[in-house]
Every structure is written in C-alpha cells, then in structure tokens.
Amino acid sequence: NNNNNNKNKNSSNNKKQRPPQQRVSIQAVDISEDGRTCMAANNHANVYIWDPSNSTSFSPLAKFQAHPTGTYLLKAKISPDGRHLVTTSSDRTARLWNIEREGDDGGGGGVG
C-alpha cells in the first residue's frame, strides 16, 4: 500500500512538471547562456520562464501573454546577457521583454 501512495505522489508530481497548456504547440524554447533562465513559448503567444537550476520546483517564475489573443507567436529568444527576451508574432510585431530577476546585477525588475 505504501508503494501505491508513493506511486500516486510521484504521478501527481509529474503532472505538476508538465508544461502549461499541454494541447498547445510549443513554438520556441531557449536557455540563457549562463544557464540560469529557461523559456518556453507556445503558438498562442504564452511565455513561461523557469530557473532550470531549481530542482525542487518546476513552477514558472513568470508567465505572460507576449502578443494579443488571435495572433500566434513566431519566434522567441533570450538575449546573450540573459536580461531580455524578444518575441515576434503573426501581427508583424516584435516585442522586447525585461526578464531580469530581482537580485540580479543591474537593478532587478521583470520576472520577480
């Protein structure tokens, strides 16, 4: 019976670790050069930011919609310094996002 409890516990942990919106295609994935930030964006322009070094929680540090509903994301890329993210969309726009985390050198803000 303890095995079943552990199996169920592991099963629920696995569900928490899956990317949000499972039935929406992932359009872009990137990892910052320093390895401290991981980004995934789906074709509905929803962006998710993680800290891949945090093995205890796979909850996103940030989640936001990069472009308006009805458009789809084309590409997304983290800047070489890991502080910004650029996204492009079917609405022919490019947007620059501050993804710098509080406590980073440079003043913080962004992801929080």
C-alpha atoms as a PDB file:
ATOM      1  CA  ASN A   1       0.000   0.000   0.000  1.00  0.00           C
ATOM      2  CA  ASN A   2       2.906   2.374   0.694  1.00  0.00           C
ATOM      3  CA  ASN A   3       4.130   1.681  -2.836  1.00  0.00           C
ATOM      4  CA  ASN A   4       0.782   2.821  -4.215  1.00  0.00           C
ATOM      5  CA  ASN A   5       0.954   6.019  -2.139  1.00  0.00           C
ATOM      6  CA  ASN A   6       4.466   6.742  -3.408  1.00  0.00           C
ATOM      7  CA  LYS A   7       3.418   5.944  -6.972  1.00  0.00           C
ATOM      8  CA  ASN A   8       0.429   8.310  -6.721  1.00  0.00           C
ATOM      9  CA  LYS A   9       2.625  11.005  -5.148  1.00  0.00           C
ATOM     10  CA  ASN A  10       5.168  10.666  -7.975  1.00  0.00           C
ATOM     11  CA  SER A  11       2.380  10.700 -10.534  1.00  0.00           C
ATOM     12  CA  SER A  12       0.966  13.964  -9.172  1.00  0.00           C
ATOM     13  CA  ASN A  13       4.477  15.498  -9.103  1.00  0.00           C
ATOM     14  CA  ASN A  14       4.945  14.568 -12.765  1.00  0.00           C
ATOM     15  CA  LYS A  15       1.692  16.300 -13.671  1.00  0.00           C
ATOM     16  CA  LYS A  16       2.888  19.490 -11.977  1.00  0.00           C
ATOM     17  CA  GLN A  17       6.098  19.399 -14.013  1.00  0.00           C
ATOM     18  CA  ARG A  18       4.473  19.264 -17.430  1.00  0.00           C
ATOM     19  CA  PRO A  19       4.472  22.494 -19.423  1.00  0.00           C
ATOM     20  CA  PRO A  20       1.259  24.510 -19.074  1.00  0.00           C
ATOM     21  CA  GLN A  21      -1.397  24.225 -21.792  1.00  0.00           C
ATOM     22  CA  GLN A  22      -0.461  20.725 -22.854  1.00  0.00           C
ATOM     23  CA  ARG A  23      -2.563  20.734 -26.020  1.00  0.00           C
ATOM     24  CA  VAL A  24      -0.970  23.900 -27.421  1.00  0.00           C
ATOM     25  CA  SER A  25       2.158  23.506 -29.533  1.00  0.00           C
ATOM     26  CA  ILE A  26       5.431  24.821 -28.161  1.00  0.00           C
ATOM     27  CA  GLN A  27       6.819  27.265 -30.707  1.00  0.00           C
ATOM     28  CA  ALA A  28      10.127  28.285 -29.102  1.00  0.00           C
ATOM     29  CA  VAL A  29      12.466  27.111 -26.334  1.00  0.00           C
ATOM     30  CA  ASP A  30      15.648  28.829 -25.201  1.00  0.00           C
ATOM     31  CA  ILE A  31      18.137  28.710 -22.323  1.00  0.00           C
ATOM     32  CA  SER A  32      20.234  31.708 -21.367  1.00  0.00           C
ATOM     33  CA  GLU A  33      23.980  31.490 -21.901  1.00  0.00           C
ATOM     34  CA  ASP A  34      24.591  31.405 -18.124  1.00  0.00           C
ATOM     35  CA  GLY A  35      22.082  28.542 -17.712  1.00  0.00           C
ATOM     36  CA  ARG A  36      20.015  30.430 -15.113  1.00  0.00           C
ATOM     37  CA  THR A  37      16.914  31.039 -17.236  1.00  0.00           C
ATOM     38  CA  CYS A  38      14.842  28.718 -19.406  1.00  0.00           C
ATOM     39  CA  MET A  39      11.999  29.957 -21.607  1.00  0.00           C
ATOM     40  CA  ALA A  40       9.239  28.180 -23.471  1.00  0.00           C
ATOM     41  CA  ALA A  41       6.638  29.921 -25.612  1.00  0.00           C
ATOM     42  CA  ASN A  42       3.632  28.378 -27.299  1.00  0.00           C
ATOM     43  CA  ASN A  43       1.999  29.362 -30.559  1.00  0.00           C
ATOM     44  CA  HIS A  44      -0.768  31.204 -28.647  1.00  0.00           C
ATOM     45  CA  ALA A  45       1.995  33.643 -27.537  1.00  0.00           C
ATOM     46  CA  ASN A  46       2.045  32.479 -23.912  1.00  0.00           C
ATOM     47  CA  VAL A  47       5.567  32.667 -22.478  1.00  0.00           C
ATOM     48  CA  TYR A  48       6.819  30.712 -19.442  1.00  0.00           C
ATOM     49  CA  ILE A  49      10.120  31.431 -17.662  1.00  0.00           C
ATOM     50  CA  TRP A  50      11.844  28.915 -15.343  1.00  0.00           C
ATOM     51  CA  ASP A  51      15.019  28.638 -13.297  1.00  0.00           C
ATOM     52  CA  PRO A  52      16.407  25.284 -14.505  1.00  0.00           C
ATOM     53  CA  SER A  53      18.790  25.070 -11.528  1.00  0.00           C
ATOM     54  CA  ASN A  54      15.860  24.834  -9.079  1.00  0.00           C
ATOM     55  CA  SER A  55      15.303  21.085  -8.838  1.00  0.00           C
ATOM     56  CA  THR A  56      12.706  21.379  -6.041  1.00  0.00           C
ATOM     57  CA  SER A  57      10.113  23.343  -8.001  1.00  0.00           C
ATOM     58  CA  PHE A  58       9.325  23.391 -11.674  1.00  0.00           C
ATOM     59  CA  SER A  59       6.764  26.160 -11.309  1.00  0.00           C
ATOM     60  CA  PRO A  60       7.348  29.040 -13.713  1.00  0.00           C
ATOM     61  CA  LEU A  61       8.957  32.174 -12.282  1.00  0.00           C
ATOM     62  CA  ALA A  62       6.848  34.150 -14.729  1.00  0.00           C
ATOM     63  CA  LYS A  63       4.038  33.533 -17.168  1.00  0.00           C
ATOM     64  CA  PHE A  64       2.665  36.143 -19.568  1.00  0.00           C
ATOM     65  CA  GLN A  65       0.994  36.605 -22.940  1.00  0.00           C
ATOM     66  CA  ALA A  66       3.507  38.245 -25.261  1.00  0.00           C
ATOM     67  CA  HIS A  67       1.125  39.197 -28.078  1.00  0.00           C
ATOM     68  CA  PRO A  68      -2.644  39.757 -28.390  1.00  0.00           C
ATOM     69  CA  THR A  69      -5.165  36.922 -28.492  1.00  0.00           C
ATOM     70  CA  GLY A  70      -5.787  35.854 -32.075  1.00  0.00           C
ATOM     71  CA  THR A  71      -2.160  36.167 -33.113  1.00  0.00           C
ATOM     72  CA  TYR A  72       0.417  33.434 -32.929  1.00  0.00           C
ATOM     73  CA  LEU A  73       4.000  33.542 -31.796  1.00  0.00           C
ATOM     74  CA  LEU A  74       6.627  33.006 -34.470  1.00  0.00           C
ATOM     75  CA  LYS A  75       9.914  33.124 -32.522  1.00  0.00           C
ATOM     76  CA  ALA A  76      11.297  33.953 -29.084  1.00  0.00           C
ATOM     77  CA  LYS A  77      14.923  34.285 -27.981  1.00  0.00           C
ATOM     78  CA  ILE A  78      16.712  35.217 -24.736  1.00  0.00           C
ATOM     79  CA  SER A  79      19.369  37.925 -25.134  1.00  0.00           C
ATOM     80  CA  PRO A  80      23.030  36.945 -24.674  1.00  0.00           C
ATOM     81  CA  ASP A  81      23.145  38.732 -21.287  1.00  0.00           C
ATOM     82  CA  GLY A  82      20.027  36.826 -20.109  1.00  0.00           C
ATOM     83  CA  ARG A  83      18.184  40.003 -19.150  1.00  0.00           C
ATOM     84  CA  HIS A  84      15.777  40.351 -22.072  1.00  0.00           C
ATOM     85  CA  LEU A  85      13.552  38.270 -24.291  1.00  0.00           C
ATOM     86  CA  VAL A  86      12.453  39.183 -27.787  1.00  0.00           C
ATOM     87  CA  THR A  87       9.261  37.729 -29.276  1.00  0.00           C
ATOM     88  CA  THR A  88       7.850  38.008 -32.800  1.00  0.00           C
ATOM     89  CA  SER A  89       4.277  37.418 -33.850  1.00  0.00           C
ATOM     90  CA  SER A  90       1.976  36.941 -36.802  1.00  0.00           C
ATOM     91  CA  ASP A  91       0.733  40.509 -36.224  1.00  0.00           C
ATOM     92  CA  ARG A  92       4.102  41.640 -37.674  1.00  0.00           C
ATOM     93  CA  THR A  93       5.378  42.991 -34.372  1.00  0.00           C
ATOM     94  CA  ALA A  94       8.459  42.267 -32.304  1.00  0.00           C
ATOM     95  CA  ARG A  95       8.418  42.910 -28.573  1.00  0.00           C
ATOM     96  CA  LEU A  96      11.266  43.219 -26.117  1.00  0.00           C
ATOM     97  CA  TRP A  97      10.666  41.977 -22.553  1.00  0.00           C
ATOM     98  CA  ASN A  98      12.683  42.548 -19.382  1.00  0.00           C
ATOM     99  CA  ILE A  99      13.137  39.098 -17.815  1.00  0.00           C
ATOM    100  CA  GLU A 100      15.821  40.100 -15.346  1.00  0.00           C
ATOM    101  CA  ARG A 101      15.174  38.624 -11.899  1.00  0.00           C
ATOM    102  CA  GLU A 102      15.260  40.625  -8.683  1.00  0.00           C
ATOM    103  CA  GLY A 103      18.669  40.451  -7.095  1.00  0.00           C
ATOM    104  CA  ASP A 104      20.496  40.196 -10.430  1.00  0.00           C
ATOM    105  CA  ASP A 105      23.223  42.764 -11.011  1.00  0.00           C
ATOM    106  CA  GLY A 106      21.657  45.694 -12.797  1.00  0.00           C
ATOM    107  CA  GLY A 107      18.753  46.587 -10.559  1.00  0.00           C
ATOM    108  CA  GLY A 108      16.231  43.782 -10.834  1.00  0.00           C
ATOM    109  CA  GLY A 109      12.652  44.040 -12.048  1.00  0.00           C
ATOM    110  CA  GLY A 110      10.938  41.978 -14.698  1.00  0.00           C
ATOM    111  CA  VAL A 111      10.461  38.359 -13.732  1.00  0.00           C
ATOM    112  CA  GLY A 112      10.457  38.893  -9.964  1.00  0.00           C
END
